[in-house]
C-alpha atoms as a PDB file:
ATOM      1  CA  MET A   1     147.414  94.881  15.242  1.00  0.00           C
ATOM      2  CA  PHE A   2     148.022  94.571  18.844  1.00  0.00           C
ATOM      3  CA  SER A   3     150.150  96.999  20.858  1.00  0.00           C
ATOM      4  CA  ARG A   4     153.191  95.176  22.761  1.00  0.00           C
ATOM      5  CA  ARG A   5     153.208  97.192  26.072  1.00  0.00           C
ATOM      6  CA  GLU A   6     156.205  96.475  28.927  1.00  0.00           C
ATOM      7  CA  PRO A   7     155.805  93.825  31.153  1.00  0.00           C
ATOM      8  CA  VAL A   8     154.413  95.014  34.748  1.00  0.00           C
ATOM      9  CA  PRO A   9     155.292  92.518  37.914  1.00  0.00           C
ATOM     10  CA  PHE A  10     151.840  93.163  38.584  1.00  0.00           C
ATOM     11  CA  ALA A  11     149.161  92.460  36.466  1.00  0.00           C
ATOM     12  CA  PHE A  12     146.618  94.106  38.489  1.00  0.00           C
ATOM     13  CA  VAL A  13     148.392  97.195  37.286  1.00  0.00           C
ATOM     14  CA  ALA A  14     148.876  96.136  33.701  1.00  0.00           C
ATOM     15  CA  GLU A  15     145.575  96.394  34.064  1.00  0.00           C
ATOM     16  CA  ALA A  16     144.214  99.404  35.520  1.00  0.00           C
ATOM     17  CA  ASP A  17     144.606 101.488  33.242  1.00  0.00           C
ATOM     18  CA  ARG A  18     142.122  99.597  30.947  1.00  0.00           C
ATOM     19  CA  PHE A  19     139.259  98.748  33.269  1.00  0.00           C
ATOM     20  CA  ARG A  20     136.969 101.808  34.640  1.00  0.00           C
ATOM     21  CA  SER A  21     134.160 101.634  35.874  1.00  0.00           C
ATOM     22  CA  ASN A  22     130.555 103.054  35.268  1.00  0.00           C
ATOM     23  CA  VAL A  23     129.108 102.652  38.444  1.00  0.00           C
ATOM     24  CA  THR A  24     129.105 105.992  40.906  1.00  0.00           C
ATOM     25  CA  PRO A  25     129.861 105.538  44.900  1.00  0.00           C
ATOM     26  CA  PRO A  26     126.404 105.746  46.936  1.00  0.00           C
ATOM     27  CA  PRO A  27     125.560 109.521  48.493  1.00  0.00           C
ATOM     28  CA  ARG A  28     127.531 110.573  52.062  1.00  0.00           C
ATOM     29  CA  GLU A  29     124.752 110.047  54.528  1.00  0.00           C
ATOM     30  CA  SER A  30     124.283 113.172  56.878  1.00  0.00           C
ATOM     31  CA  LEU A  31     125.264 113.594  59.851  1.00  0.00           C
ATOM     32  CA  SER A  32     122.875 113.288  62.561  1.00  0.00           C
ATOM     33  CA  TRP A  33     122.896 116.005  65.441  1.00  0.00           C
ATOM     34  CA  SER A  34     124.333 113.800  67.701  1.00  0.00           C
ATOM     35  CA  GLN A  35     126.875 112.856  65.902  1.00  0.00           C
ATOM     36  CA  LEU A  36     127.687 116.403  65.113  1.00  0.00           C
ATOM     37  CA  THR A  37     127.940 117.259  68.741  1.00  0.00           C
ATOM     38  CA  ALA A  38     130.036 114.355  70.002  1.00  0.00           C
ATOM     39  CA  ARG A  39     132.529 115.957  66.741  1.00  0.00           C
ATOM     40  CA  SER A  40     132.405 119.575  68.056  1.00  0.00           C
ATOM     41  CA  LEU A  41     132.864 118.268  71.915  1.00  0.00           C
ATOM     42  CA  VAL A  42     135.766 116.122  70.801  1.00  0.00           C
ATOM     43  CA  GLY A  43     137.428 119.300  68.398  1.00  0.00           C
ATOM     44  CA  LEU A  44     136.761 121.550  72.035  1.00  0.00           C
ATOM     45  CA  THR A  45     138.884 119.046  73.937  1.00  0.00           C
ATOM     46  CA  VAL A  46     141.361 118.691  72.509  1.00  0.00           C
ATOM     47  CA  VAL A  47     141.822 122.614  71.224  1.00  0.00           C
ATOM     48  CA  ALA A  48     141.402 122.844  75.179  1.00  0.00           C
ATOM     49  CA  GLY A  49     143.092 120.252  76.560  1.00  0.00           C
ATOM     50  CA  LEU A  50     146.591 122.474  74.155  1.00  0.00           C
ATOM     51  CA  VAL A  51     146.152 125.704  75.035  1.00  0.00           C
ATOM     52  CA  GLY A  52     145.747 124.542  78.992  1.00  0.00           C
ATOM     53  CA  SER A  53     148.775 122.964  78.421  1.00  0.00           C
ATOM     54  CA  LEU A  54     149.506 125.953  76.702  1.00  0.00           C
ATOM     55  CA  LEU A  55     149.201 128.632  79.523  1.00  0.00           C
ATOM     56  CA  LEU A  56     150.307 126.156  82.256  1.00  0.00           C
ATOM     57  CA  GLY A  57     153.691 125.825  80.048  1.00  0.00           C
ATOM     58  CA  MET A  58     154.642 129.765  79.697  1.00  0.00           C
ATOM     59  CA  PRO A  59     155.795 130.401  82.837  1.00  0.00           C
ATOM     60  CA  ALA A  60     158.088 127.688  82.505  1.00  0.00           C
ATOM     61  CA  LEU A  61     159.668 129.322  79.282  1.00  0.00           C
ATOM     62  CA  GLN A  62     159.866 132.462  81.134  1.00  0.00           C
ATOM     63  CA  PRO A  63     163.390 133.785  82.167  1.00  0.00           C
ATOM     64  CA  SER A  64     164.111 134.630  86.007  1.00  0.00           C
ATOM     65  CA  ASN A  65     166.188 138.226  85.583  1.00  0.00           C
ATOM     66  CA  ALA A  66     166.888 136.780  89.472  1.00  0.00           C
ATOM     67  CA  PRO A  67     170.836 135.220  89.385  1.00  0.00           C
ATOM     68  CA  GLN A  68     170.067 131.947  90.560  1.00  0.00           C
ATOM     69  CA  LYS A  69     172.167 130.449  92.911  1.00  0.00           C
ATOM     70  CA  SER A  70     172.566 126.941  94.905  1.00  0.00           C
ATOM     71  CA  GLU A  71     173.390 126.577  98.752  1.00  0.00           C
ATOM     72  CA  ALA A  72     176.548 124.248  98.040  1.00  0.00           C
ATOM     73  CA  SER A  73     178.468 127.939  96.049  1.00  0.00           C
ATOM     74  CA  GLN A  74     177.063 130.212  98.580  1.00  0.00           C
ATOM     75  CA  GLY A  75     179.045 127.643 101.457  1.00  0.00           C
ATOM     76  CA  ARG A  76     182.689 129.355  99.752  1.00  0.00           C
END
């Protein structure tokens, strides 16, 4: 008559496979012009910061051609 299922420690897990909702969520609201502009500006600011840090950091990553000698080694 009833099929016995393996016991599950949480009741909601066992009930989840039996519950199916027929309620559809409401449609998403479209973004207003100001919200779209604000999101675009935030995105552009983040990208500009990343590009700027890359451009400013590139000279520090380049190896120099001249050998570096410290002042302490010249006194010998």
